[in-house]
Amino acid sequence: MISIVSDNIVLKSHCSLLAADSFFKYLKNRSAFRSLLSYNECHLKYYAPTGCIDCTSGESNNKDFRFGLGFQSNLLRTKEWLYGFADLSYRNVFSSGFFHGGIAGYDNSFSSSTNGLDGIIGFGLKLKLFEDIFILPELGYNTFFGSVNFKTTHLIRGETSKYSYSQANANPIAKLHLTIRF
């Protein structure tokens, strides 16, 4: 459980990894093929602080599924500790929940489904911990392109609105893999 308090919101989050992320790499000479599979769920609650007239409160449940393939290559001819990589994944995110409050008088439920492609390009280091156990810190740039279907329903009036739109994001990313060689 994580709690954050600021001037505008009180946030409580509980995220759990229901199925462990799996990362598989097959190395041949200076190149490697990578694959990944992950699924996780997160429950988020946020509250308006006392005395805030235009703040909203609510909660959401979020599910995130990814499946991807990638390529990796050592950048140094005789050393294998520095590599470049590129990954491409299918990603599905489903969210549902409610929010209420504010001057506008929100009292809505919502659901959102996002499908798209997630691409990462970057560099990594292979650091040896033990004979066959390595830690791989990676830095890169993540881009996402997808379609979003959003539905909201006013809980008192019963009015429903549906929206569909495209979404594109680009962000720096840092990952840390613990790898066992066998």
N, C-alpha and C. Protein backbone atom coordinates (compact mmCIF):
# COMPACT_ATOMS: atom_id res chain seq x y z
N MET A 1 0.85 -1.17 0.00
CA MET A 1 0.00 0.00 0.00
C MET A 1 0.89 1.23 0.00
N ILE A 2 0.63 2.13 -0.92
CA ILE A 2 1.37 3.39 -1.02
C ILE A 2 0.39 4.52 -0.75
N SER A 3 0.74 5.46 0.10
CA SER A 3 -0.08 6.64 0.36
C SER A 3 0.72 7.90 0.07
N ILE A 4 0.12 8.82 -0.66
CA ILE A 4 0.74 10.10 -0.99
C ILE A 4 -0.23 11.20 -0.63
N VAL A 5 0.23 12.23 0.05
CA VAL A 5 -0.62 13.35 0.43
C VAL A 5 -0.01 14.63 -0.13
N SER A 6 -0.83 15.42 -0.83
CA SER A 6 -0.37 16.71 -1.33
C SER A 6 -1.46 17.74 -1.05
N ASP A 7 -1.30 18.96 -1.57
CA ASP A 7 -2.30 20.01 -1.35
C ASP A 7 -3.62 19.71 -2.04
N ASN A 8 -3.61 18.96 -3.14
CA ASN A 8 -4.81 18.77 -3.94
C ASN A 8 -5.42 17.38 -3.89
N ILE A 9 -4.72 16.39 -3.38
CA ILE A 9 -5.25 15.03 -3.45
C ILE A 9 -4.58 14.14 -2.39
N VAL A 10 -5.33 13.15 -1.94
CA VAL A 10 -4.80 12.09 -1.09
C VAL A 10 -4.91 10.83 -1.92
N LEU A 11 -3.80 10.15 -2.14
CA LEU A 11 -3.75 9.02 -3.05
C LEU A 11 -3.33 7.77 -2.30
N LYS A 12 -4.10 6.68 -2.48
CA LYS A 12 -3.74 5.39 -1.91
C LYS A 12 -3.76 4.38 -3.04
N SER A 13 -2.68 3.63 -3.18
CA SER A 13 -2.54 2.70 -4.28
C SER A 13 -2.11 1.34 -3.75
N HIS A 14 -2.70 0.31 -4.29
CA HIS A 14 -2.31 -1.06 -3.97
C HIS A 14 -2.15 -1.79 -5.29
N CYS A 15 -0.93 -2.11 -5.65
CA CYS A 15 -0.64 -2.82 -6.89
C CYS A 15 -0.07 -4.18 -6.54
N SER A 16 -0.53 -5.17 -7.26
CA SER A 16 0.02 -6.50 -7.04
C SER A 16 0.28 -7.14 -8.39
N LEU A 17 1.34 -7.88 -8.47
CA LEU A 17 1.70 -8.60 -9.67
C LEU A 17 1.08 -9.97 -9.56
N LEU A 18 0.01 -10.22 -10.32
CA LEU A 18 -0.69 -11.50 -10.21
C LEU A 18 0.05 -12.62 -10.93
N ALA A 19 0.65 -12.33 -12.06
CA ALA A 19 1.47 -13.31 -12.75
C ALA A 19 2.82 -12.64 -12.99
N ALA A 20 3.86 -13.25 -12.52
CA ALA A 20 5.18 -12.61 -12.60
C ALA A 20 5.53 -12.31 -14.05
N ASP A 21 6.14 -11.16 -14.25
CA ASP A 21 6.64 -10.83 -15.57
C ASP A 21 7.69 -11.87 -15.95
N SER A 22 7.66 -12.31 -17.19
CA SER A 22 8.70 -13.24 -17.63
C SER A 22 9.44 -12.63 -18.81
N PHE A 23 10.73 -12.77 -18.79
CA PHE A 23 11.61 -12.23 -19.81
C PHE A 23 12.54 -13.36 -20.22
N PHE A 24 12.56 -13.69 -21.49
CA PHE A 24 13.39 -14.78 -21.98
C PHE A 24 14.31 -14.23 -23.07
N LYS A 25 15.59 -14.65 -23.04
CA LYS A 25 16.55 -14.18 -24.03
C LYS A 25 17.36 -15.37 -24.52
N TYR A 26 17.48 -15.49 -25.85
CA TYR A 26 18.31 -16.53 -26.46
C TYR A 26 19.49 -15.84 -27.13
N LEU A 27 20.69 -16.11 -26.64
CA LEU A 27 21.91 -15.44 -27.09
C LEU A 27 22.69 -16.33 -28.05
N LYS A 28 23.04 -15.78 -29.21
CA LYS A 28 23.86 -16.49 -30.19
C LYS A 28 24.92 -15.52 -30.69
N ASN A 29 26.20 -15.82 -30.40
CA ASN A 29 27.33 -14.94 -30.74
C ASN A 29 27.15 -13.58 -30.09
N ARG A 30 27.04 -12.50 -30.86
CA ARG A 30 26.91 -11.14 -30.31
C ARG A 30 25.47 -10.66 -30.31
N SER A 31 24.53 -11.48 -30.77
CA SER A 31 23.12 -11.07 -30.89
C SER A 31 22.22 -11.94 -30.03
N ALA A 32 21.06 -11.40 -29.72
CA ALA A 32 20.10 -12.15 -28.91
C ALA A 32 18.68 -11.82 -29.36
N PHE A 33 17.80 -12.79 -29.25
CA PHE A 33 16.38 -12.57 -29.43
C PHE A 33 15.75 -12.55 -28.05
N ARG A 34 14.83 -11.62 -27.85
CA ARG A 34 14.20 -11.43 -26.54
C ARG A 34 12.70 -11.63 -26.68
N SER A 35 12.06 -12.09 -25.60
CA SER A 35 10.60 -12.15 -25.56
C SER A 35 10.15 -11.79 -24.15
N LEU A 36 8.96 -11.23 -24.04
CA LEU A 36 8.43 -10.87 -22.73
C LEU A 36 6.93 -11.12 -22.67
N LEU A 37 6.46 -11.41 -21.48
CA LEU A 37 5.05 -11.64 -21.21
C LEU A 37 4.78 -11.13 -19.81
N SER A 38 3.76 -10.26 -19.66
CA SER A 38 3.46 -9.76 -18.32
C SER A 38 1.97 -9.47 -18.18
N TYR A 39 1.53 -9.57 -16.94
CA TYR A 39 0.16 -9.23 -16.57
C TYR A 39 0.20 -8.71 -15.14
N ASN A 40 -0.38 -7.54 -14.90
CA ASN A 40 -0.47 -7.05 -13.53
C ASN A 40 -1.75 -6.28 -13.32
N GLU A 41 -2.14 -6.17 -12.07
CA GLU A 41 -3.35 -5.45 -11.67
C GLU A 41 -2.99 -4.42 -10.62
N CYS A 42 -3.74 -3.29 -10.63
CA CYS A 42 -3.49 -2.23 -9.67
C CYS A 42 -4.84 -1.61 -9.27
N HIS A 43 -5.02 -1.37 -7.99
CA HIS A 43 -6.22 -0.71 -7.47
C HIS A 43 -5.79 0.64 -6.90
N LEU A 44 -6.44 1.71 -7.33
CA LEU A 44 -6.08 3.07 -6.94
C LEU A 44 -7.28 3.77 -6.33
N LYS A 45 -7.09 4.39 -5.15
CA LYS A 45 -8.12 5.22 -4.51
C LYS A 45 -7.54 6.60 -4.31
N TYR A 46 -8.33 7.62 -4.62
CA TYR A 46 -7.88 8.99 -4.36
C TYR A 46 -9.02 9.77 -3.72
N TYR A 47 -8.66 10.62 -2.78
CA TYR A 47 -9.62 11.36 -1.98
C TYR A 47 -9.31 12.85 -2.05
N ALA A 48 -10.37 13.65 -2.05
CA ALA A 48 -10.20 15.11 -1.97
C ALA A 48 -9.86 15.46 -0.53
N PRO A 49 -8.89 16.34 -0.32
CA PRO A 49 -8.58 16.76 1.04
C PRO A 49 -9.72 17.60 1.62
N THR A 50 -9.82 17.62 2.91
CA THR A 50 -10.86 18.39 3.59
C THR A 50 -10.76 19.86 3.20
N GLY A 51 -11.91 20.45 2.85
CA GLY A 51 -11.96 21.87 2.52
C GLY A 51 -11.72 22.20 1.06
N CYS A 52 -11.43 21.22 0.23
CA CYS A 52 -11.20 21.47 -1.20
C CYS A 52 -12.54 21.39 -1.93
N ILE A 53 -13.01 22.51 -2.45
CA ILE A 53 -14.34 22.59 -3.08
C ILE A 53 -14.37 21.93 -4.44
N ASP A 54 -13.34 22.10 -5.25
CA ASP A 54 -13.37 21.62 -6.63
C ASP A 54 -12.51 20.36 -6.83
N CYS A 55 -12.30 19.59 -5.80
CA CYS A 55 -11.51 18.36 -5.94
C CYS A 55 -12.43 17.16 -6.09
N THR A 56 -11.97 16.17 -6.82
CA THR A 56 -12.75 14.95 -7.00
C THR A 56 -12.15 13.80 -6.19
N SER A 57 -12.96 12.78 -5.96
CA SER A 57 -12.55 11.55 -5.30
C SER A 57 -12.97 10.39 -6.18
N GLY A 58 -12.34 9.26 -5.99
CA GLY A 58 -12.74 8.09 -6.76
C GLY A 58 -11.81 6.93 -6.57
N GLU A 59 -12.05 5.89 -7.35
CA GLU A 59 -11.17 4.74 -7.35
C GLU A 59 -11.23 4.05 -8.70
N SER A 60 -10.16 3.32 -8.99
CA SER A 60 -10.11 2.60 -10.26
C SER A 60 -9.38 1.28 -10.10
N ASN A 61 -9.76 0.33 -10.94
CA ASN A 61 -9.08 -0.96 -11.05
C ASN A 61 -8.45 -1.00 -12.44
N ASN A 62 -7.19 -1.35 -12.51
CA ASN A 62 -6.46 -1.33 -13.77
C ASN A 62 -5.79 -2.68 -14.01
N LYS A 63 -5.92 -3.19 -15.25
CA LYS A 63 -5.28 -4.45 -15.65
C LYS A 63 -4.44 -4.17 -16.88
N ASP A 64 -3.21 -4.67 -16.89
CA ASP A 64 -2.27 -4.40 -17.96
C ASP A 64 -1.65 -5.72 -18.44
N PHE A 65 -1.84 -6.04 -19.73
CA PHE A 65 -1.30 -7.26 -20.33
C PHE A 65 -0.36 -6.87 -21.47
N ARG A 66 0.81 -7.53 -21.55
CA ARG A 66 1.78 -7.27 -22.62
C ARG A 66 2.39 -8.58 -23.12
N PHE A 67 2.60 -8.63 -24.42
CA PHE A 67 3.33 -9.73 -25.04
C PHE A 67 4.22 -9.12 -26.11
N GLY A 68 5.52 -9.45 -26.08
CA GLY A 68 6.40 -8.82 -27.05
C GLY A 68 7.60 -9.63 -27.43
N LEU A 69 8.24 -9.18 -28.52
CA LEU A 69 9.46 -9.76 -29.03
C LEU A 69 10.47 -8.65 -29.24
N GLY A 70 11.76 -9.01 -29.22
CA GLY A 70 12.78 -8.00 -29.42
C GLY A 70 14.08 -8.57 -29.91
N PHE A 71 15.03 -7.68 -30.12
CA PHE A 71 16.36 -8.02 -30.61
C PHE A 71 17.39 -7.26 -29.78
N GLN A 72 18.53 -7.89 -29.55
CA GLN A 72 19.60 -7.28 -28.76
C GLN A 72 20.93 -7.60 -29.43
N SER A 73 21.86 -6.65 -29.37
CA SER A 73 23.18 -6.87 -29.96
C SER A 73 24.26 -6.22 -29.09
N ASN A 74 25.36 -6.95 -28.88
CA ASN A 74 26.50 -6.39 -28.14
C ASN A 74 27.12 -5.27 -28.96
N LEU A 75 27.44 -4.16 -28.33
CA LEU A 75 27.99 -3.01 -29.03
C LEU A 75 29.51 -3.05 -29.13
N LEU A 76 30.14 -3.80 -28.26
CA LEU A 76 31.60 -3.93 -28.28
C LEU A 76 31.97 -5.30 -28.83
N ARG A 77 32.97 -5.36 -29.72
CA ARG A 77 33.32 -6.60 -30.41
C ARG A 77 33.80 -7.70 -29.47
N THR A 78 34.62 -7.35 -28.48
CA THR A 78 35.21 -8.38 -27.61
C THR A 78 34.60 -8.44 -26.22
N LYS A 79 33.76 -7.51 -25.86
CA LYS A 79 33.13 -7.48 -24.54
C LYS A 79 31.62 -7.60 -24.69
N GLU A 80 30.97 -8.21 -23.71
CA GLU A 80 29.52 -8.36 -23.79
C GLU A 80 28.77 -7.58 -22.72
N TRP A 81 29.39 -6.65 -22.06
CA TRP A 81 28.75 -5.92 -20.97
C TRP A 81 27.91 -4.73 -21.44
N LEU A 82 28.06 -4.26 -22.68
CA LEU A 82 27.28 -3.14 -23.20
C LEU A 82 26.51 -3.59 -24.44
N TYR A 83 25.21 -3.38 -24.46
CA TYR A 83 24.40 -3.83 -25.59
C TYR A 83 23.30 -2.81 -25.91
N GLY A 84 22.85 -2.87 -27.12
CA GLY A 84 21.69 -2.10 -27.56
C GLY A 84 20.53 -3.06 -27.78
N PHE A 85 19.31 -2.56 -27.65
CA PHE A 85 18.15 -3.45 -27.82
C PHE A 85 16.96 -2.69 -28.40
N ALA A 86 16.03 -3.44 -28.95
CA ALA A 86 14.75 -2.91 -29.43
C ALA A 86 13.69 -3.97 -29.16
N ASP A 87 12.58 -3.56 -28.55
CA ASP A 87 11.47 -4.46 -28.23
C ASP A 87 10.19 -3.89 -28.83
N LEU A 88 9.31 -4.77 -29.32
CA LEU A 88 8.00 -4.37 -29.81
C LEU A 88 6.97 -5.29 -29.16
N SER A 89 5.95 -4.70 -28.52
CA SER A 89 4.95 -5.48 -27.76
C SER A 89 3.54 -5.07 -28.13
N TYR A 90 2.63 -6.05 -28.04
CA TYR A 90 1.19 -5.77 -28.04
C TYR A 90 0.84 -5.45 -26.60
N ARG A 91 0.01 -4.43 -26.38
CA ARG A 91 -0.38 -4.06 -25.02
C ARG A 91 -1.88 -3.80 -24.95
N ASN A 92 -2.51 -4.35 -23.91
CA ASN A 92 -3.92 -4.11 -23.62
C ASN A 92 -4.03 -3.64 -22.18
N VAL A 93 -4.69 -2.50 -21.99
CA VAL A 93 -4.92 -1.96 -20.65
C VAL A 93 -6.43 -1.78 -20.49
N PHE A 94 -6.99 -2.33 -19.41
CA PHE A 94 -8.41 -2.16 -19.12
C PHE A 94 -8.53 -1.50 -17.75
N SER A 95 -9.33 -0.44 -17.67
CA SER A 95 -9.57 0.28 -16.42
C SER A 95 -11.06 0.46 -16.21
N SER A 96 -11.47 0.40 -14.94
CA SER A 96 -12.86 0.69 -14.59
C SER A 96 -12.89 1.28 -13.19
N GLY A 97 -13.94 2.05 -12.91
CA GLY A 97 -14.06 2.65 -11.59
C GLY A 97 -15.09 3.74 -11.56
N PHE A 98 -14.93 4.69 -10.62
CA PHE A 98 -15.87 5.81 -10.50
C PHE A 98 -15.15 7.03 -9.96
N PHE A 99 -15.76 8.20 -10.18
CA PHE A 99 -15.27 9.44 -9.60
C PHE A 99 -16.47 10.32 -9.27
N HIS A 100 -16.32 11.13 -8.22
CA HIS A 100 -17.42 12.03 -7.83
C HIS A 100 -16.84 13.27 -7.17
N GLY A 101 -17.69 14.32 -7.11
CA GLY A 101 -17.29 15.56 -6.44
C GLY A 101 -16.99 16.67 -7.43
N GLY A 102 -16.36 17.71 -6.92
CA GLY A 102 -16.03 18.87 -7.74
C GLY A 102 -17.20 19.81 -7.89
N ILE A 103 -16.94 21.01 -8.38
CA ILE A 103 -18.00 22.01 -8.59
C ILE A 103 -19.00 21.52 -9.62
N ALA A 104 -18.55 20.76 -10.63
CA ALA A 104 -19.44 20.27 -11.69
C ALA A 104 -20.37 19.17 -11.17
N GLY A 105 -20.14 18.65 -10.02
CA GLY A 105 -21.02 17.63 -9.44
C GLY A 105 -20.89 16.26 -10.08
N TYR A 106 -19.69 15.85 -10.35
CA TYR A 106 -19.47 14.54 -10.95
C TYR A 106 -19.98 13.43 -10.04
N ASP A 107 -20.58 12.43 -10.64
CA ASP A 107 -20.99 11.21 -9.95
C ASP A 107 -21.06 10.14 -11.04
N ASN A 108 -19.89 9.76 -11.56
CA ASN A 108 -19.83 8.93 -12.76
C ASN A 108 -19.05 7.65 -12.52
N SER A 109 -19.46 6.61 -13.26
CA SER A 109 -18.65 5.41 -13.38
C SER A 109 -18.00 5.45 -14.76
N PHE A 110 -16.92 4.69 -14.92
CA PHE A 110 -16.25 4.68 -16.22
C PHE A 110 -15.62 3.32 -16.49
N SER A 111 -15.39 3.06 -17.76
CA SER A 111 -14.59 1.92 -18.18
C SER A 111 -13.82 2.34 -19.42
N SER A 112 -12.62 1.82 -19.54
CA SER A 112 -11.74 2.19 -20.64
C SER A 112 -10.94 0.97 -21.07
N SER A 113 -10.85 0.77 -22.38
CA SER A 113 -10.04 -0.30 -22.92
C SER A 113 -9.09 0.28 -23.96
N THR A 114 -7.80 -0.01 -23.81
CA THR A 114 -6.78 0.51 -24.71
C THR A 114 -6.02 -0.65 -25.32
N ASN A 115 -5.90 -0.66 -26.64
CA ASN A 115 -5.13 -1.67 -27.37
C ASN A 115 -4.14 -0.98 -28.27
N GLY A 116 -2.90 -1.48 -28.29
CA GLY A 116 -1.93 -0.85 -29.16
C GLY A 116 -0.57 -1.52 -29.14
N LEU A 117 0.38 -0.84 -29.76
CA LEU A 117 1.76 -1.32 -29.84
C LEU A 117 2.65 -0.47 -28.97
N ASP A 118 3.54 -1.14 -28.25
CA ASP A 118 4.47 -0.52 -27.33
C ASP A 118 5.89 -0.83 -27.85
N GLY A 119 6.67 0.18 -28.16
CA GLY A 119 8.02 -0.03 -28.65
C GLY A 119 9.05 0.60 -27.74
N ILE A 120 10.15 -0.10 -27.50
CA ILE A 120 11.24 0.41 -26.66
C ILE A 120 12.55 0.22 -27.41
N ILE A 121 13.37 1.26 -27.42
CA ILE A 121 14.72 1.17 -27.97
C ILE A 121 15.66 1.75 -26.93
N GLY A 122 16.84 1.11 -26.73
CA GLY A 122 17.73 1.62 -25.70
C GLY A 122 19.03 0.86 -25.58
N PHE A 123 19.71 1.09 -24.45
CA PHE A 123 21.00 0.51 -24.14
C PHE A 123 20.92 -0.20 -22.79
N GLY A 124 21.76 -1.22 -22.61
CA GLY A 124 21.78 -1.93 -21.35
C GLY A 124 23.19 -2.35 -20.97
N LEU A 125 23.34 -2.67 -19.69
CA LEU A 125 24.61 -3.17 -19.14
C LEU A 125 24.38 -4.57 -18.58
N LYS A 126 25.36 -5.45 -18.78
CA LYS A 126 25.30 -6.79 -18.21
C LYS A 126 26.31 -6.84 -17.07
N LEU A 127 25.79 -6.87 -15.84
CA LEU A 127 26.63 -6.86 -14.64
C LEU A 127 26.53 -8.22 -13.94
N LYS A 128 27.67 -8.87 -13.74
CA LYS A 128 27.71 -10.20 -13.15
C LYS A 128 27.63 -10.12 -11.63
N LEU A 129 26.65 -10.82 -11.05
CA LEU A 129 26.54 -10.92 -9.59
C LEU A 129 27.21 -12.19 -9.09
N PHE A 130 26.87 -13.31 -9.72
CA PHE A 130 27.44 -14.62 -9.41
C PHE A 130 27.75 -15.31 -10.73
N GLU A 131 28.22 -16.53 -10.70
CA GLU A 131 28.65 -17.23 -11.90
C GLU A 131 27.60 -17.21 -13.02
N ASP A 132 26.37 -17.53 -12.74
CA ASP A 132 25.31 -17.57 -13.76
C ASP A 132 24.15 -16.63 -13.46
N ILE A 133 24.36 -15.65 -12.60
CA ILE A 133 23.32 -14.69 -12.24
C ILE A 133 23.81 -13.28 -12.57
N PHE A 134 22.99 -12.57 -13.34
CA PHE A 134 23.35 -11.23 -13.82
C PHE A 134 22.24 -10.25 -13.51
N ILE A 135 22.60 -8.99 -13.38
CA ILE A 135 21.63 -7.91 -13.26
C ILE A 135 21.82 -7.04 -14.51
N LEU A 136 20.71 -6.68 -15.15
CA LEU A 136 20.75 -5.96 -16.42
C LEU A 136 19.98 -4.64 -16.31
N PRO A 137 20.63 -3.55 -15.94
CA PRO A 137 19.95 -2.25 -15.96
C PRO A 137 19.85 -1.77 -17.42
N GLU A 138 18.67 -1.28 -17.80
CA GLU A 138 18.44 -0.80 -19.16
C GLU A 138 17.83 0.59 -19.13
N LEU A 139 18.30 1.45 -20.01
CA LEU A 139 17.75 2.78 -20.22
C LEU A 139 17.31 2.88 -21.66
N GLY A 140 16.16 3.49 -21.89
CA GLY A 140 15.68 3.58 -23.26
C GLY A 140 14.58 4.60 -23.41
N TYR A 141 13.95 4.52 -24.57
CA TYR A 141 12.85 5.42 -24.89
C TYR A 141 11.67 4.58 -25.31
N ASN A 142 10.52 4.79 -24.69
CA ASN A 142 9.31 4.02 -24.93
C ASN A 142 8.32 4.84 -25.74
N THR A 143 7.76 4.25 -26.78
CA THR A 143 6.69 4.88 -27.55
C THR A 143 5.49 3.95 -27.57
N PHE A 144 4.30 4.52 -27.49
CA PHE A 144 3.07 3.75 -27.52
C PHE A 144 2.10 4.38 -28.51
N PHE A 145 1.51 3.56 -29.37
CA PHE A 145 0.45 3.99 -30.29
C PHE A 145 -0.71 3.04 -30.11
N GLY A 146 -1.90 3.58 -29.86
CA GLY A 146 -3.04 2.70 -29.65
C GLY A 146 -4.37 3.39 -29.79
N SER A 147 -5.42 2.59 -29.70
CA SER A 147 -6.78 3.11 -29.74
C SER A 147 -7.43 2.92 -28.37
N VAL A 148 -8.21 3.91 -27.97
CA VAL A 148 -8.86 3.92 -26.67
C VAL A 148 -10.37 3.96 -26.87
N ASN A 149 -11.09 3.09 -26.17
CA ASN A 149 -12.56 3.13 -26.12
C ASN A 149 -12.93 3.46 -24.68
N PHE A 150 -13.59 4.60 -24.47
CA PHE A 150 -13.90 5.10 -23.14
C PHE A 150 -15.42 5.25 -23.01
N LYS A 151 -15.96 4.79 -21.91
CA LYS A 151 -17.40 4.89 -21.64
C LYS A 151 -17.59 5.42 -20.24
N THR A 152 -18.47 6.42 -20.08
CA THR A 152 -18.78 6.96 -18.76
C THR A 152 -20.29 7.03 -18.59
N THR A 153 -20.77 6.75 -17.40
CA THR A 153 -22.20 6.77 -17.09
C THR A 153 -22.42 7.59 -15.83
N HIS A 154 -23.35 8.56 -15.91
CA HIS A 154 -23.71 9.33 -14.72
C HIS A 154 -24.54 8.43 -13.83
N LEU A 155 -24.12 8.26 -12.57
CA LEU A 155 -24.75 7.28 -11.68
C LEU A 155 -26.15 7.68 -11.23
N ILE A 156 -26.49 8.96 -11.26
CA ILE A 156 -27.83 9.40 -10.83
C ILE A 156 -28.77 9.51 -12.02
N ARG A 157 -28.34 10.19 -13.09
CA ARG A 157 -29.20 10.40 -14.26
C ARG A 157 -29.20 9.23 -15.22
N GLY A 158 -28.19 8.36 -15.17
CA GLY A 158 -28.13 7.21 -16.07
C GLY A 158 -27.66 7.54 -17.48
N GLU A 159 -27.23 8.76 -17.73
CA GLU A 159 -26.76 9.16 -19.06
C GLU A 159 -25.40 8.51 -19.33
N THR A 160 -25.26 7.96 -20.53
CA THR A 160 -24.02 7.30 -20.93
C THR A 160 -23.38 8.03 -22.10
N SER A 161 -22.08 8.19 -22.04
CA SER A 161 -21.31 8.78 -23.14
C SER A 161 -20.19 7.82 -23.51
N LYS A 162 -19.96 7.69 -24.83
CA LYS A 162 -18.89 6.82 -25.32
C LYS A 162 -17.97 7.64 -26.20
N TYR A 163 -16.67 7.40 -26.05
CA TYR A 163 -15.66 8.09 -26.83
C TYR A 163 -14.66 7.07 -27.35
N SER A 164 -14.19 7.29 -28.55
CA SER A 164 -13.09 6.50 -29.12
C SER A 164 -12.08 7.48 -29.68
N TYR A 165 -10.82 7.23 -29.42
CA TYR A 165 -9.77 8.10 -29.93
C TYR A 165 -8.45 7.34 -29.99
N SER A 166 -7.51 7.92 -30.71
CA SER A 166 -6.17 7.35 -30.81
C SER A 166 -5.27 8.04 -29.80
N GLN A 167 -4.29 7.30 -29.31
CA GLN A 167 -3.38 7.83 -28.30
C GLN A 167 -1.95 7.52 -28.70
N ALA A 168 -1.07 8.48 -28.50
CA ALA A 168 0.36 8.29 -28.74
C ALA A 168 1.13 8.90 -27.58
N ASN A 169 2.06 8.15 -27.02
CA ASN A 169 2.89 8.61 -25.90
C ASN A 169 4.35 8.29 -26.20
N ALA A 170 5.24 9.10 -25.70
CA ALA A 170 6.67 8.84 -25.80
C ALA A 170 7.31 9.28 -24.48
N ASN A 171 8.05 8.37 -23.84
CA ASN A 171 8.65 8.64 -22.53
C ASN A 171 9.97 7.92 -22.36
N PRO A 172 10.89 8.50 -21.59
CA PRO A 172 12.09 7.74 -21.22
C PRO A 172 11.69 6.62 -20.26
N ILE A 173 12.47 5.56 -20.25
CA ILE A 173 12.13 4.41 -19.41
C ILE A 173 13.41 3.81 -18.83
N ALA A 174 13.32 3.26 -17.64
CA ALA A 174 14.41 2.53 -17.00
C ALA A 174 13.86 1.18 -16.53
N LYS A 175 14.58 0.11 -16.82
CA LYS A 175 14.16 -1.23 -16.42
C LYS A 175 15.34 -1.92 -15.75
N LEU A 176 15.03 -2.90 -14.93
CA LEU A 176 16.07 -3.67 -14.25
C LEU A 176 15.67 -5.14 -14.30
N HIS A 177 16.48 -5.96 -14.98
CA HIS A 177 16.22 -7.40 -15.11
C HIS A 177 17.20 -8.16 -14.23
N LEU A 178 16.71 -9.15 -13.53
CA LEU A 178 17.55 -10.13 -12.85
C LEU A 178 17.52 -11.37 -13.72
N THR A 179 18.68 -11.80 -14.22
CA THR A 179 18.74 -12.87 -15.22
C THR A 179 19.56 -14.03 -14.69
N ILE A 180 19.04 -15.23 -14.95
CA ILE A 180 19.74 -16.46 -14.60
C ILE A 180 20.07 -17.18 -15.90
N ARG A 181 21.34 -17.50 -16.11
CA ARG A 181 21.78 -18.17 -17.32
C ARG A 181 21.73 -19.68 -17.09
N PHE A 182 21.14 -20.38 -18.04
CA PHE A 182 21.13 -21.85 -17.96
C PHE A 182 21.32 -22.45 -19.32
